[in-house]
Amino acid sequence: MIKSADKKEEWITIAQAVERMPITVSKSTVRRWIEEGKHGIVAGKFGGRLVIRADTLPDITDALD
């Protein structure tokens, strides 16, 4: 988990995102959602790793679309 010093945003790895999802999804599904721009997930690279802003993870109703 990475927290931005100025905005207190929490950035998490794909694996952490999968663990926090309210439904079972694979890491490749989350990566595909990011690539396709689905569900408003905000992601970026940090130290060569893809990370996601935790507060942009979809809720269960978004994820089922």
PDB file of N, CA and C in Angstrom:
ATOM      1  N   MET A   1       0.843  -1.173   0.000  1.00  0.00           N
ATOM      2  CA  MET A   1       0.000   0.000   0.000  1.00  0.00           C
ATOM      3  C   MET A   1       0.888   1.236   0.000  1.00  0.00           C
ATOM      4  N   ILE A   2       0.540   2.194  -0.826  1.00  0.00           N
ATOM      5  CA  ILE A   2       1.284   3.446  -0.947  1.00  0.00           C
ATOM      6  C   ILE A   2       0.312   4.582  -0.653  1.00  0.00           C
ATOM      7  N   LYS A   3       0.710   5.493   0.211  1.00  0.00           N
ATOM      8  CA  LYS A   3      -0.133   6.656   0.488  1.00  0.00           C
ATOM      9  C   LYS A   3       0.573   7.899   0.000  1.00  0.00           C
ATOM     10  N   SER A   4      -0.155   8.705  -0.756  1.00  0.00           N
ATOM     11  CA  SER A   4       0.381   9.965  -1.238  1.00  0.00           C
ATOM     12  C   SER A   4       0.521  10.913  -0.054  1.00  0.00           C
ATOM     13  N   ALA A   5       1.662  11.565   0.053  1.00  0.00           N
ATOM     14  CA  ALA A   5       1.929  12.427   1.201  1.00  0.00           C
ATOM     15  C   ALA A   5       1.021  13.644   1.250  1.00  0.00           C
ATOM     16  N   ASP A   6       0.699  14.214   0.087  1.00  0.00           N
ATOM     17  CA  ASP A   6      -0.053  15.455   0.111  1.00  0.00           C
ATOM     18  C   ASP A   6      -1.573  15.269   0.107  1.00  0.00           C
ATOM     19  N   LYS A   7      -2.078  14.201  -0.472  1.00  0.00           N
ATOM     20  CA  LYS A   7      -3.520  14.047  -0.586  1.00  0.00           C
ATOM     21  C   LYS A   7      -4.073  12.879   0.226  1.00  0.00           C
ATOM     22  N   LYS A   8      -3.248  12.111   0.888  1.00  0.00           N
ATOM     23  CA  LYS A   8      -3.663  10.961   1.689  1.00  0.00           C
ATOM     24  C   LYS A   8      -4.423   9.923   0.873  1.00  0.00           C
ATOM     25  N   GLU A   9      -4.090   9.809  -0.422  1.00  0.00           N
ATOM     26  CA  GLU A   9      -4.705   8.802  -1.269  1.00  0.00           C
ATOM     27  C   GLU A   9      -4.014   7.470  -1.032  1.00  0.00           C
ATOM     28  N   GLU A  10      -4.784   6.416  -1.024  1.00  0.00           N
ATOM     29  CA  GLU A  10      -4.228   5.086  -0.850  1.00  0.00           C
ATOM     30  C   GLU A  10      -4.123   4.407  -2.210  1.00  0.00           C
ATOM     31  N   TRP A  11      -2.928   3.967  -2.558  1.00  0.00           N
ATOM     32  CA  TRP A  11      -2.674   3.262  -3.812  1.00  0.00           C
ATOM     33  C   TRP A  11      -2.352   1.823  -3.467  1.00  0.00           C
ATOM     34  N   ILE A  12      -3.007   0.876  -4.136  1.00  0.00           N
ATOM     35  CA  ILE A  12      -2.844  -0.536  -3.828  1.00  0.00           C
ATOM     36  C   ILE A  12      -2.465  -1.313  -5.089  1.00  0.00           C
ATOM     37  N   THR A  13      -1.905  -2.495  -4.891  1.00  0.00           N
ATOM     38  CA  THR A  13      -1.530  -3.346  -6.013  1.00  0.00           C
ATOM     39  C   THR A  13      -2.770  -4.042  -6.579  1.00  0.00           C
ATOM     40  N   ILE A  14      -2.600  -4.663  -7.727  1.00  0.00           N
ATOM     41  CA  ILE A  14      -3.691  -5.430  -8.334  1.00  0.00           C
ATOM     42  C   ILE A  14      -4.136  -6.541  -7.380  1.00  0.00           C
ATOM     43  N   ALA A  15      -3.184  -7.242  -6.773  1.00  0.00           N
ATOM     44  CA  ALA A  15      -3.515  -8.331  -5.842  1.00  0.00           C
ATOM     45  C   ALA A  15      -4.337  -7.814  -4.666  1.00  0.00           C
ATOM     46  N   GLN A  16      -3.974  -6.662  -4.131  1.00  0.00           N
ATOM     47  CA  GLN A  16      -4.737  -6.081  -3.022  1.00  0.00           C
ATOM     48  C   GLN A  16      -6.129  -5.679  -3.482  1.00  0.00           C
ATOM     49  N   ALA A  17      -6.236  -5.181  -4.701  1.00  0.00           N
ATOM     50  CA  ALA A  17      -7.539  -4.793  -5.241  1.00  0.00           C
ATOM     51  C   ALA A  17      -8.451  -6.003  -5.349  1.00  0.00           C
ATOM     52  N   VAL A  18      -7.902  -7.114  -5.844  1.00  0.00           N
ATOM     53  CA  VAL A  18      -8.688  -8.349  -5.976  1.00  0.00           C
ATOM     54  C   VAL A  18      -9.203  -8.791  -4.610  1.00  0.00           C
ATOM     55  N   GLU A  19      -8.372  -8.694  -3.589  1.00  0.00           N
ATOM     56  CA  GLU A  19      -8.781  -9.083  -2.235  1.00  0.00           C
ATOM     57  C   GLU A  19      -9.898  -8.194  -1.692  1.00  0.00           C
ATOM     58  N   ARG A  20      -9.930  -6.946  -2.101  1.00  0.00           N
ATOM     59  CA  ARG A  20     -10.928  -5.998  -1.587  1.00  0.00           C
ATOM     60  C   ARG A  20     -12.239  -5.996  -2.370  1.00  0.00           C
ATOM     61  N   MET A  21     -12.244  -6.639  -3.524  1.00  0.00           N
ATOM     62  CA  MET A  21     -13.455  -6.635  -4.338  1.00  0.00           C
ATOM     63  C   MET A  21     -14.562  -7.417  -3.632  1.00  0.00           C
ATOM     64  N   PRO A  22     -15.798  -6.926  -3.724  1.00  0.00           N
ATOM     65  CA  PRO A  22     -16.915  -7.609  -3.053  1.00  0.00           C
ATOM     66  C   PRO A  22     -17.368  -8.872  -3.792  1.00  0.00           C
ATOM     67  N   ILE A  23     -16.837  -9.107  -4.992  1.00  0.00           N
ATOM     68  CA  ILE A  23     -17.119 -10.328  -5.743  1.00  0.00           C
ATOM     69  C   ILE A  23     -15.789 -10.947  -6.140  1.00  0.00           C
ATOM     70  N   THR A  24     -15.796 -12.203  -6.515  1.00  0.00           N
ATOM     71  CA  THR A  24     -14.569 -12.871  -6.928  1.00  0.00           C
ATOM     72  C   THR A  24     -14.226 -12.486  -8.363  1.00  0.00           C
ATOM     73  N   VAL A  25     -13.070 -11.878  -8.514  1.00  0.00           N
ATOM     74  CA  VAL A  25     -12.547 -11.540  -9.847  1.00  0.00           C
ATOM     75  C   VAL A  25     -11.068 -11.902  -9.876  1.00  0.00           C
ATOM     76  N   SER A  26     -10.547 -12.102 -11.063  1.00  0.00           N
ATOM     77  CA  SER A  26      -9.124 -12.423 -11.195  1.00  0.00           C
ATOM     78  C   SER A  26      -8.310 -11.140 -11.396  1.00  0.00           C
ATOM     79  N   LYS A  27      -7.011 -11.263 -11.215  1.00  0.00           N
ATOM     80  CA  LYS A  27      -6.128 -10.120 -11.450  1.00  0.00           C
ATOM     81  C   LYS A  27      -6.194  -9.693 -12.912  1.00  0.00           C
ATOM     82  N   SER A  28      -6.326 -10.664 -13.817  1.00  0.00           N
ATOM     83  CA  SER A  28      -6.395 -10.314 -15.240  1.00  0.00           C
ATOM     84  C   SER A  28      -7.677  -9.547 -15.557  1.00  0.00           C
ATOM     85  N   THR A  29      -8.760  -9.842 -14.851  1.00  0.00           N
ATOM     86  CA  THR A  29     -10.006  -9.095 -15.050  1.00  0.00           C
ATOM     87  C   THR A  29      -9.822  -7.648 -14.633  1.00  0.00           C
ATOM     88  N   VAL A  30      -9.197  -7.415 -13.492  1.00  0.00           N
ATOM     89  CA  VAL A  30      -8.962  -6.045 -13.024  1.00  0.00           C
ATOM     90  C   VAL A  30      -8.045  -5.318 -14.001  1.00  0.00           C
ATOM     91  N   ARG A  31      -7.005  -5.986 -14.492  1.00  0.00           N
ATOM     92  CA  ARG A  31      -6.113  -5.367 -15.485  1.00  0.00           C
ATOM     93  C   ARG A  31      -6.888  -5.001 -16.757  1.00  0.00           C
ATOM     94  N   ARG A  32      -7.765  -5.900 -17.188  1.00  0.00           N
ATOM     95  CA  ARG A  32      -8.560  -5.639 -18.395  1.00  0.00           C
ATOM     96  C   ARG A  32      -9.483  -4.440 -18.174  1.00  0.00           C
ATOM     97  N   TRP A  33     -10.112  -4.359 -16.999  1.00  0.00           N
ATOM     98  CA  TRP A  33     -10.969  -3.212 -16.691  1.00  0.00           C
ATOM     99  C   TRP A  33     -10.175  -1.917 -16.793  1.00  0.00           C
ATOM    100  N   ILE A  34      -8.951  -1.934 -16.288  1.00  0.00           N
ATOM    101  CA  ILE A  34      -8.099  -0.734 -16.346  1.00  0.00           C
ATOM    102  C   ILE A  34      -7.780  -0.394 -17.799  1.00  0.00           C
ATOM    103  N   GLU A  35      -7.350  -1.388 -18.574  1.00  0.00           N
ATOM    104  CA  GLU A  35      -7.000  -1.166 -19.981  1.00  0.00           C
ATOM    105  C   GLU A  35      -8.187  -0.651 -20.787  1.00  0.00           C
ATOM    106  N   GLU A  36      -9.392  -1.156 -20.492  1.00  0.00           N
ATOM    107  CA  GLU A  36     -10.593  -0.769 -21.225  1.00  0.00           C
ATOM    108  C   GLU A  36     -11.245   0.496 -20.671  1.00  0.00           C
ATOM    109  N   GLY A  37     -10.712   1.005 -19.566  1.00  0.00           N
ATOM    110  CA  GLY A  37     -11.267   2.211 -18.972  1.00  0.00           C
ATOM    111  C   GLY A  37     -12.617   1.996 -18.305  1.00  0.00           C
ATOM    112  N   LYS A  38     -12.880   0.776 -17.878  1.00  0.00           N
ATOM    113  CA  LYS A  38     -14.165   0.459 -17.257  1.00  0.00           C
ATOM    114  C   LYS A  38     -14.188   0.824 -15.783  1.00  0.00           C
ATOM    115  N   HIS A  39     -15.360   1.166 -15.311  1.00  0.00           N
ATOM    116  CA  HIS A  39     -15.661   1.367 -13.887  1.00  0.00           C
ATOM    117  C   HIS A  39     -14.936   2.542 -13.246  1.00  0.00           C
ATOM    118  N   GLY A  40     -14.274   3.374 -14.031  1.00  0.00           N
ATOM    119  CA  GLY A  40     -13.636   4.571 -13.483  1.00  0.00           C
ATOM    120  C   GLY A  40     -12.447   4.300 -12.583  1.00  0.00           C
ATOM    121  N   ILE A  41     -11.814   3.152 -12.756  1.00  0.00           N
ATOM    122  CA  ILE A  41     -10.649   2.811 -11.934  1.00  0.00           C
ATOM    123  C   ILE A  41      -9.478   3.714 -12.341  1.00  0.00           C
ATOM    124  N   VAL A  42      -8.872   4.354 -11.348  1.00  0.00           N
ATOM    125  CA  VAL A  42      -7.706   5.197 -11.586  1.00  0.00           C
ATOM    126  C   VAL A  42      -6.471   4.370 -11.252  1.00  0.00           C
ATOM    127  N   ALA A  43      -5.579   4.238 -12.229  1.00  0.00           N
ATOM    128  CA  ALA A  43      -4.380   3.422 -12.044  1.00  0.00           C
ATOM    129  C   ALA A  43      -3.168   4.138 -12.619  1.00  0.00           C
ATOM    130  N   GLY A  44      -2.007   3.718 -12.180  1.00  0.00           N
ATOM    131  CA  GLY A  44      -0.769   4.272 -12.689  1.00  0.00           C
ATOM    132  C   GLY A  44       0.389   3.371 -12.321  1.00  0.00           C
ATOM    133  N   LYS A  45       1.557   3.761 -12.733  1.00  0.00           N
ATOM    134  CA  LYS A  45       2.772   2.997 -12.444  1.00  0.00           C
ATOM    135  C   LYS A  45       3.519   3.657 -11.290  1.00  0.00           C
ATOM    136  N   PHE A  46       3.995   2.837 -10.377  1.00  0.00           N
ATOM    137  CA  PHE A  46       4.819   3.309  -9.274  1.00  0.00           C
ATOM    138  C   PHE A  46       5.932   2.292  -9.094  1.00  0.00           C
ATOM    139  N   GLY A  47       7.144   2.705  -9.288  1.00  0.00           N
ATOM    140  CA  GLY A  47       8.269   1.786  -9.173  1.00  0.00           C
ATOM    141  C   GLY A  47       8.174   0.608 -10.128  1.00  0.00           C
ATOM    142  N   GLY A  48       7.596   0.851 -11.296  1.00  0.00           N
ATOM    143  CA  GLY A  48       7.464  -0.201 -12.283  1.00  0.00           C
ATOM    144  C   GLY A  48       6.269  -1.121 -12.075  1.00  0.00           C
ATOM    145  N   ARG A  49       5.497  -0.895 -11.016  1.00  0.00           N
ATOM    146  CA  ARG A  49       4.331  -1.723 -10.723  1.00  0.00           C
ATOM    147  C   ARG A  49       3.059  -0.955 -11.000  1.00  0.00           C
ATOM    148  N   LEU A  50       2.053  -1.661 -11.477  1.00  0.00           N
ATOM    149  CA  LEU A  50       0.747  -1.066 -11.703  1.00  0.00           C
ATOM    150  C   LEU A  50       0.024  -0.981 -10.368  1.00  0.00           C
ATOM    151  N   VAL A  51      -0.411   0.206 -10.011  1.00  0.00           N
ATOM    152  CA  VAL A  51      -1.139   0.409  -8.762  1.00  0.00           C
ATOM    153  C   VAL A  51      -2.463   1.105  -9.053  1.00  0.00           C
ATOM    154  N   ILE A  52      -3.400   0.936  -8.142  1.00  0.00           N
ATOM    155  CA  ILE A  52      -4.750   1.465  -8.294  1.00  0.00           C
ATOM    156  C   ILE A  52      -5.061   2.356  -7.104  1.00  0.00           C
ATOM    157  N   ARG A  53      -5.736   3.469  -7.369  1.00  0.00           N
ATOM    158  CA  ARG A  53      -6.194   4.306  -6.260  1.00  0.00           C
ATOM    159  C   ARG A  53      -7.383   3.589  -5.623  1.00  0.00           C
ATOM    160  N   ALA A  54      -7.245   3.231  -4.361  1.00  0.00           N
ATOM    161  CA  ALA A  54      -8.201   2.370  -3.663  1.00  0.00           C
ATOM    162  C   ALA A  54      -9.630   2.906  -3.695  1.00  0.00           C
ATOM    163  N   ASP A  55      -9.794   4.207  -3.621  1.00  0.00           N
ATOM    164  CA  ASP A  55     -11.152   4.752  -3.573  1.00  0.00           C
ATOM    165  C   ASP A  55     -11.854   4.728  -4.928  1.00  0.00           C
ATOM    166  N   THR A  56     -11.181   4.216  -5.968  1.00  0.00           N
ATOM    167  CA  THR A  56     -11.824   4.124  -7.283  1.00  0.00           C
ATOM    168  C   THR A  56     -12.212   2.692  -7.649  1.00  0.00           C
ATOM    169  N   LEU A  57     -12.037   1.762  -6.725  1.00  0.00           N
ATOM    170  CA  LEU A  57     -12.479   0.395  -6.995  1.00  0.00           C
ATOM    171  C   LEU A  57     -13.997   0.383  -7.152  1.00  0.00           C
ATOM    172  N   PRO A  58     -14.494  -0.397  -8.104  1.00  0.00           N
ATOM    173  CA  PRO A  58     -15.953  -0.426  -8.303  1.00  0.00           C
ATOM    174  C   PRO A  58     -16.666  -1.122  -7.160  1.00  0.00           C
ATOM    175  N   ASP A  59     -17.902  -0.703  -6.899  1.00  0.00           N
ATOM    176  CA  ASP A  59     -18.696  -1.454  -5.916  1.00  0.00           C
ATOM    177  C   ASP A  59     -19.333  -2.636  -6.635  1.00  0.00           C
ATOM    178  N   ILE A  60     -20.026  -3.463  -5.920  1.00  0.00           N
ATOM    179  CA  ILE A  60     -20.533  -4.714  -6.499  1.00  0.00           C
ATOM    180  C   ILE A  60     -21.482  -4.480  -7.670  1.00  0.00           C
ATOM    181  N   THR A  61     -22.287  -3.443  -7.632  1.00  0.00           N
ATOM    182  CA  THR A  61     -23.224  -3.207  -8.733  1.00  0.00           C
ATOM    183  C   THR A  61     -22.492  -2.756  -9.984  1.00  0.00           C
ATOM    184  N   ASP A  62     -21.421  -1.975  -9.821  1.00  0.00           N
ATOM    185  CA  ASP A  62     -20.614  -1.570 -10.985  1.00  0.00           C
ATOM    186  C   ASP A  62     -19.901  -2.770 -11.594  1.00  0.00           C
ATOM    187  N   ALA A  63     -19.381  -3.642 -10.738  1.00  0.00           N
ATOM    188  CA  ALA A  63     -18.573  -4.755 -11.213  1.00  0.00           C
ATOM    189  C   ALA A  63     -19.387  -5.780 -11.992  1.00  0.00           C
ATOM    190  N   LEU A  64     -20.674  -5.834 -11.765  1.00  0.00           N
ATOM    191  CA  LEU A  64     -21.506  -6.825 -12.444  1.00  0.00           C
ATOM    192  C   LEU A  64     -21.935  -6.384 -13.828  1.00  0.00           C
ATOM    193  N   ASP A  65     -21.707  -5.130 -14.193  1.00  0.00           N
ATOM    194  CA  ASP A  65     -22.098  -4.640 -15.528  1.00  0.00           C
ATOM    195  C   ASP A  65     -21.218  -5.198 -16.611  1.00  0.00           C
TER     196      ASP A  65
END
